[in-house]
C-alpha atoms as a PDB file:
ATOM      1  CA  MET A   1      24.163 -82.826  -5.865  1.00  0.00           C
ATOM      2  CA  GLY A   2      23.258 -85.934  -3.312  1.00  0.00           C
ATOM      3  CA  LEU A   3      25.637 -84.339  -0.447  1.00  0.00           C
ATOM      4  CA  GLU A   4      24.474 -80.447  -1.041  1.00  0.00           C
ATOM      5  CA  ARG A   5      21.134 -81.890  -0.574  1.00  0.00           C
ATOM      6  CA  VAL A   6      21.306 -83.182   2.875  1.00  0.00           C
ATOM      7  CA  ILE A   7      24.401 -80.610   3.827  1.00  0.00           C
ATOM      8  CA  ASP A   8      21.709 -77.949   3.129  1.00  0.00           C
ATOM      9  CA  GLU A   9      19.232 -79.667   5.079  1.00  0.00           C
ATOM     10  CA  ILE A  10      21.307 -79.868   8.221  1.00  0.00           C
ATOM     11  CA  VAL A  11      22.241 -75.881   6.894  1.00  0.00           C
ATOM     12  CA  SER A  12      17.930 -75.732   6.865  1.00  0.00           C
ATOM     13  CA  SER A  13      17.019 -78.048  10.297  1.00  0.00           C
ATOM     14  CA  GLY A  14      19.828 -76.785  12.947  1.00  0.00           C
ATOM     15  CA  GLU A  15      18.544 -72.736  11.406  1.00  0.00           C
ATOM     16  CA  GLU A  16      15.203 -73.803  12.056  1.00  0.00           C
ATOM     17  CA  LYS A  17      15.994 -74.770  15.388  1.00  0.00           C
ATOM     18  CA  ARG A  18      18.310 -71.374  15.486  1.00  0.00           C
ATOM     19  CA  ARG A  19      15.805 -69.455  14.324  1.00  0.00           C
ATOM     20  CA  THR A  20      12.753 -71.405  17.219  1.00  0.00           C
ATOM     21  CA  ILE A  21      15.601 -71.018  19.973  1.00  0.00           C
ATOM     22  CA  ILE A  22      16.012 -67.435  19.829  1.00  0.00           C
ATOM     23  CA  SER A  23      12.297 -67.011  19.332  1.00  0.00           C
ATOM     24  CA  GLU A  24      11.469 -69.671  22.662  1.00  0.00           C
ATOM     25  CA  GLY A  25      14.607 -67.369  24.240  1.00  0.00           C
ATOM     26  CA  GLU A  26      13.065 -64.033  23.691  1.00  0.00           C
ATOM     27  CA  LYS A  27       9.545 -65.227  24.949  1.00  0.00           C
ATOM     28  CA  GLU A  28      10.768 -66.115  27.861  1.00  0.00           C
ATOM     29  CA  ARG A  29      13.163 -62.713  28.017  1.00  0.00           C
ATOM     30  CA  GLN A  30       9.768 -61.354  28.164  1.00  0.00           C
ATOM     31  CA  ARG A  31       7.199 -62.726  30.477  1.00  0.00           C
ATOM     32  CA  ILE A  32      10.528 -62.058  32.762  1.00  0.00           C
ATOM     33  CA  VAL A  33      11.189 -58.912  32.215  1.00  0.00           C
ATOM     34  CA  ALA A  34       7.635 -58.625  32.221  1.00  0.00           C
ATOM     35  CA  ALA A  35       7.510 -60.475  35.748  1.00  0.00           C
ATOM     36  CA  SER A  36       9.742 -58.976  37.117  1.00  0.00           C
ATOM     37  CA  ARG A  37       8.739 -55.192  35.762  1.00  0.00           C
ATOM     38  CA  LYS A  38       4.603 -56.287  37.647  1.00  0.00           C
ATOM     39  CA  GLU A  39       7.424 -57.610  41.446  1.00  0.00           C
ATOM     40  CA  ALA A  40       8.904 -54.552  40.610  1.00  0.00           C
ATOM     41  CA  GLU A  41       5.456 -52.387  40.655  1.00  0.00           C
ATOM     42  CA  SER A  42       4.070 -54.532  42.969  1.00  0.00           C
ATOM     43  CA  GLY A  43       6.896 -54.077  44.981  1.00  0.00           C
ATOM     44  CA  ALA A  44       7.222 -49.788  44.910  1.00  0.00           C
ATOM     45  CA  ARG A  45       3.026 -49.807  45.832  1.00  0.00           C
ATOM     46  CA  THR A  46       4.186 -51.959  49.196  1.00  0.00           C
ATOM     47  CA  ILE A  47       6.469 -49.341  49.962  1.00  0.00           C
ATOM     48  CA  GLU A  48       4.702 -46.328  48.920  1.00  0.00           C
ATOM     49  CA  THR A  49       1.915 -47.601  50.708  1.00  0.00           C
ATOM     50  CA  ASP A  50       4.238 -48.057  53.966  1.00  0.00           C
ATOM     51  CA  THR A  51       5.732 -45.452  53.024  1.00  0.00           C
ATOM     52  CA  GLU A  52       2.754 -43.256  53.410  1.00  0.00           C
ATOM     53  CA  ARG A  53       1.654 -44.867  56.863  1.00  0.00           C
ATOM     54  CA  LYS A  54       5.278 -44.441  58.315  1.00  0.00           C
ATOM     55  CA  ILE A  55       3.502 -40.731  57.536  1.00  0.00           C
ATOM     56  CA  SER A  56       0.861 -40.437  58.442  1.00  0.00           C
ATOM     57  CA  LEU A  57       2.191 -42.634  61.704  1.00  0.00           C
ATOM     58  CA  MET A  58       4.837 -39.679  62.286  1.00  0.00           C
ATOM     59  CA  ARG A  59       2.459 -36.972  61.199  1.00  0.00           C
ATOM     60  CA  GLN A  60       0.041 -38.311  63.866  1.00  0.00           C
ATOM     61  CA  GLN A  61       2.423 -38.443  66.585  1.00  0.00           C
ATOM     62  CA  ALA A  62       3.915 -34.948  66.264  1.00  0.00           C
ATOM     63  CA  LEU A  63       0.569 -33.619  66.364  1.00  0.00           C
ATOM     64  CA  SER A  64      -0.150 -34.736  69.259  1.00  0.00           C
ATOM     65  CA  SER A  65       3.887 -33.700  70.726  1.00  0.00           C
ATOM     66  CA  ALA A  66       2.868 -30.951  69.722  1.00  0.00           C
ATOM     67  CA  GLU A  67      -0.564 -30.455  71.933  1.00  0.00           C
ATOM     68  CA  LEU A  68       0.009 -32.640  74.660  1.00  0.00           C
ATOM     69  CA  GLU A  69       2.966 -30.094  75.428  1.00  0.00           C
ATOM     70  CA  ALA A  70       0.615 -27.184  74.537  1.00  0.00           C
ATOM     71  CA  LYS A  71      -1.543 -28.590  77.085  1.00  0.00           C
ATOM     72  CA  LYS A  72       1.873 -28.531  79.547  1.00  0.00           C
ATOM     73  CA  ARG A  73       2.381 -24.846  79.029  1.00  0.00           C
ATOM     74  CA  ILE A  74      -1.134 -23.732  79.868  1.00  0.00           C
ATOM     75  CA  LEU A  75      -1.423 -26.388  83.106  1.00  0.00           C
ATOM     76  CA  ARG A  76       1.912 -24.164  83.329  1.00  0.00           C
ATOM     77  CA  GLU A  77       0.371 -20.633  83.550  1.00  0.00           C
ATOM     78  CA  GLN A  78      -2.795 -21.419  85.175  1.00  0.00           C
ATOM     79  CA  ASN A  79      -0.871 -22.910  87.756  1.00  0.00           C
ATOM     80  CA  GLU A  80       1.803 -20.127  88.169  1.00  0.00           C
ATOM     81  CA  LYS A  81      -2.073 -18.097  87.656  1.00  0.00           C
ATOM     82  CA  LEU A  82      -3.057 -20.501  90.555  1.00  0.00           C
ATOM     83  CA  SER A  83      -0.146 -19.499  93.226  1.00  0.00           C
ATOM     84  CA  SER A  84       0.357 -15.508  92.546  1.00  0.00           C
ATOM     85  CA  VAL A  85      -3.307 -15.208  92.688  1.00  0.00           C
ATOM     86  CA  ARG A  86      -2.686 -16.863  96.150  1.00  0.00           C
ATOM     87  CA  GLU A  87       0.190 -14.811  97.092  1.00  0.00           C
ATOM     88  CA  GLU A  88      -2.636 -11.562  96.477  1.00  0.00           C
ATOM     89  CA  VAL A  89      -4.792 -13.121  99.423  1.00  0.00           C
ATOM     90  CA  LEU A  90      -2.195 -13.552 101.808  1.00  0.00           C
ATOM     91  CA  ARG A  91      -0.523 -10.597 101.354  1.00  0.00           C
ATOM     92  CA  ASP A  92      -4.231  -8.636 100.762  1.00  0.00           C
ATOM     93  CA  ILE A  93      -5.045 -10.055 104.398  1.00  0.00           C
ATOM     94  CA  SER A  94      -0.866  -9.563 106.358  1.00  0.00           C
ATOM     95  CA  SER A  95      -0.827  -5.830 104.319  1.00  0.00           C
ATOM     96  CA  ARG A  96      -3.950  -4.854 106.837  1.00  0.00           C
ATOM     97  CA  SER A  97      -3.599  -3.004 109.804  1.00  0.00           C
ATOM     98  CA  SER A  98      -4.075  -4.986 114.015  1.00  0.00           C
ATOM     99  CA  ALA A  99      -7.065  -2.906 114.112  1.00  0.00           C
ATOM    100  CA  GLU A 100      -8.637  -3.828 110.841  1.00  0.00           C
ATOM    101  CA  LEU A 101      -7.991  -7.662 111.180  1.00  0.00           C
ATOM    102  CA  LYS A 102      -8.862  -7.031 114.433  1.00  0.00           C
ATOM    103  CA  PRO A 103     -12.302  -8.961 114.372  1.00  0.00           C
ATOM    104  CA  MET A 104     -10.124 -12.402 113.079  1.00  0.00           C
ATOM    105  CA  LEU A 105      -7.014 -12.186 115.161  1.00  0.00           C
ATOM    106  CA  GLU A 106     -10.833 -12.658 117.943  1.00  0.00           C
ATOM    107  CA  LYS A 107     -12.114 -15.425 116.632  1.00  0.00           C
ATOM    108  CA  LEU A 108      -9.067 -17.441 116.106  1.00  0.00           C
ATOM    109  CA  ALA A 109      -7.908 -16.814 119.016  1.00  0.00           C
ATOM    110  CA  LYS A 110     -11.910 -18.466 120.495  1.00  0.00           C
ATOM    111  CA  MET A 111     -11.304 -20.554 117.831  1.00  0.00           C
ATOM    112  CA  ALA A 112      -7.671 -21.916 119.140  1.00  0.00           C
ATOM    113  CA  THR A 113      -8.239 -22.265 122.831  1.00  0.00           C
ATOM    114  CA  ASN A 114     -11.606 -24.155 122.867  1.00  0.00           C
ATOM    115  CA  GLY A 115     -11.272 -27.272 125.384  1.00  0.00           C
ATOM    116  CA  LEU A 116      -7.957 -25.778 126.604  1.00  0.00           C
ATOM    117  CA  SER A 117      -7.718 -25.337 129.663  1.00  0.00           C
ATOM    118  CA  GLY A 118      -4.295 -23.114 129.285  1.00  0.00           C
ATOM    119  CA  GLY A 119      -1.964 -22.351 127.087  1.00  0.00           C
ATOM    120  CA  VAL A 120       0.059 -19.997 124.966  1.00  0.00           C
ATOM    121  CA  ILE A 121      -0.742 -17.760 122.042  1.00  0.00           C
ATOM    122  CA  HIS A 122       1.486 -17.190 119.732  1.00  0.00           C
ATOM    123  CA  CYS A 123       0.386 -13.705 117.333  1.00  0.00           C
ATOM    124  CA  ARG A 124       2.773 -10.584 115.627  1.00  0.00           C
ATOM    125  CA  LYS A 125       4.469  -8.577 117.623  1.00  0.00           C
ATOM    126  CA  GLN A 126       2.124  -6.056 115.487  1.00  0.00           C
ATOM    127  CA  ASP A 127      -1.014  -8.570 116.761  1.00  0.00           C
ATOM    128  CA  GLU A 128      -0.159  -8.640 120.500  1.00  0.00           C
ATOM    129  CA  ALA A 129      -3.075  -5.904 121.532  1.00  0.00           C
ATOM    130  CA  ALA A 130      -5.524  -6.592 118.949  1.00  0.00           C
ATOM    131  CA  ILE A 131      -5.820 -10.381 121.307  1.00  0.00           C
ATOM    132  CA  ALA A 132      -8.055 -10.382 124.419  1.00  0.00           C
ATOM    133  CA  THR A 133      -6.233 -12.909 125.617  1.00  0.00           C
ATOM    134  CA  PRO A 134      -8.994 -15.834 127.917  1.00  0.00           C
ATOM    135  CA  PRO A 135      -8.306 -17.058 130.878  1.00  0.00           C
ATOM    136  CA  LYS A 136      -5.592 -19.152 131.887  1.00  0.00           C
ATOM    137  CA  PHE A 137      -3.930 -18.482 128.555  1.00  0.00           C
ATOM    138  CA  ARG A 138      -1.028 -15.584 128.133  1.00  0.00           C
ATOM    139  CA  LYS A 139       0.568 -14.128 124.890  1.00  0.00           C
ATOM    140  CA  GLN A 140       3.786 -14.626 123.084  1.00  0.00           C
ATOM    141  CA  PRO A 141       4.479 -12.259 119.892  1.00  0.00           C
ATOM    142  CA  ASP A 142       6.919 -15.068 118.453  1.00  0.00           C
ATOM    143  CA  LEU A 143       4.984 -16.078 115.762  1.00  0.00           C
ATOM    144  CA  LYS A 144       6.822 -15.954 112.029  1.00  0.00           C
ATOM    145  CA  ALA A 145       4.193 -15.184 109.510  1.00  0.00           C
ATOM    146  CA  SER A 146       1.905 -13.859 107.306  1.00  0.00           C
ATOM    147  CA  GLY A 147      -0.085 -13.058 110.683  1.00  0.00           C
ATOM    148  CA  GLY A 148      -2.970 -15.130 112.461  1.00  0.00           C
ATOM    149  CA  LEU A 149      -2.080 -17.407 116.006  1.00  0.00           C
ATOM    150  CA  ILE A 150      -0.930 -20.316 117.089  1.00  0.00           C
ATOM    151  CA  ALA A 151      -2.207 -21.369 120.321  1.00  0.00           C
ATOM    152  CA  GLU A 152      -0.411 -24.689 121.728  1.00  0.00           C
ATOM    153  CA  SER A 153      -1.418 -26.244 125.316  1.00  0.00           C
ATOM    154  CA  GLU A 154       0.564 -25.594 128.615  1.00  0.00           C
ATOM    155  CA  ASP A 155       2.090 -28.782 128.339  1.00  0.00           C
ATOM    156  CA  GLY A 156       2.904 -28.198 124.243  1.00  0.00           C
ATOM    157  CA  SER A 157       1.542 -31.184 122.989  1.00  0.00           C
ATOM    158  CA  TYR A 158      -1.173 -29.909 121.389  1.00  0.00           C
ATOM    159  CA  ARG A 159      -0.632 -27.554 118.617  1.00  0.00           C
ATOM    160  CA  MET A 160      -3.549 -25.651 116.945  1.00  0.00           C
ATOM    161  CA  ASP A 161      -2.009 -23.460 113.554  1.00  0.00           C
ATOM    162  CA  LEU A 162      -4.313 -21.010 112.251  1.00  0.00           C
ATOM    163  CA  THR A 163      -2.352 -18.622 111.140  1.00  0.00           C
ATOM    164  CA  PHE A 164      -2.962 -17.093 107.841  1.00  0.00           C
ATOM    165  CA  GLU A 165      -0.902 -19.548 105.832  1.00  0.00           C
ATOM    166  CA  ALA A 166      -1.749 -22.358 107.046  1.00  0.00           C
ATOM    167  CA  LEU A 167      -5.750 -20.899 106.641  1.00  0.00           C
ATOM    168  CA  ILE A 168      -4.881 -20.205 103.343  1.00  0.00           C
ATOM    169  CA  GLU A 169      -3.672 -22.892 102.618  1.00  0.00           C
ATOM    170  CA  ASP A 170      -7.335 -24.961 104.270  1.00  0.00           C
ATOM    171  CA  VAL A 171      -8.997 -22.748 102.669  1.00  0.00           C
ATOM    172  CA  TRP A 172      -6.832 -24.032  98.480  1.00  0.00           C
ATOM    173  CA  ASN A 173      -6.735 -26.945  99.167  1.00  0.00           C
ATOM    174  CA  ARG A 174     -10.703 -27.395  99.612  1.00  0.00           C
ATOM    175  CA  ASN A 175     -11.404 -24.787  97.224  1.00  0.00           C
ATOM    176  CA  VAL A 176      -9.436 -25.278  94.398  1.00  0.00           C
ATOM    177  CA  ARG A 177     -11.671 -27.138  92.103  1.00  0.00           C
ATOM    178  CA  GLN A 178     -14.246 -23.216  92.688  1.00  0.00           C
ATOM    179  CA  ILE A 179     -10.737 -21.235  91.960  1.00  0.00           C
ATOM    180  CA  TYR A 180     -10.077 -23.070  89.224  1.00  0.00           C
ATOM    181  CA  GLU A 181     -13.406 -22.423  87.777  1.00  0.00           C
ATOM    182  CA  ILE A 182     -13.576 -19.410  88.841  1.00  0.00           C
ATOM    183  CA  LEU A 183     -10.706 -18.408  87.312  1.00  0.00           C
ATOM    184  CA  PHE A 184     -10.431 -20.614  84.397  1.00  0.00           C
ATOM    185  CA  GLY A 185     -13.852 -20.526  83.491  1.00  0.00           C
ATOM    186  CA  GLY A 186     -15.251 -24.596  83.853  1.00  0.00           C
ATOM    187  CA  ALA A 187     -13.346 -27.583  84.409  1.00  0.00           C
END
């Protein structure tokens, strides 16, 4: 009986150690699973936060891009309108008869020749009769413009461009802000 008892104790002790090892192994497994689950949840939250941040950034970039495109389109349309108004003004002035333009052409001739001792006044053929020639000046009806005139010194060293295109360009550049405000209601 002594041997059986020793064998039973060894078996019992082995069984006890086996249960302890299995129990500790199960606890370790549960700890590892819990830690892994916690790490996975933390990683998922990090990914979710990063994804939300990226989506928000992409949304903001898309919105900014759309706003920029809208502003570009508005500016393009406003520039087209400004150009259209400018062309309309030039068409209106240049479509007037020489008789209607006579007072303006005479003022332009006086302005252009002031300070010059003589020279040439270039004008359109149809406006030639509407311009009184100042002393020591001659008219040359060779102007290829919508109207107005160009005064030139006799030696060609001085030239004043008072064509309608040049005058409108000058007035336009000096007053573009006011023109914009009139057309579009503010800056």
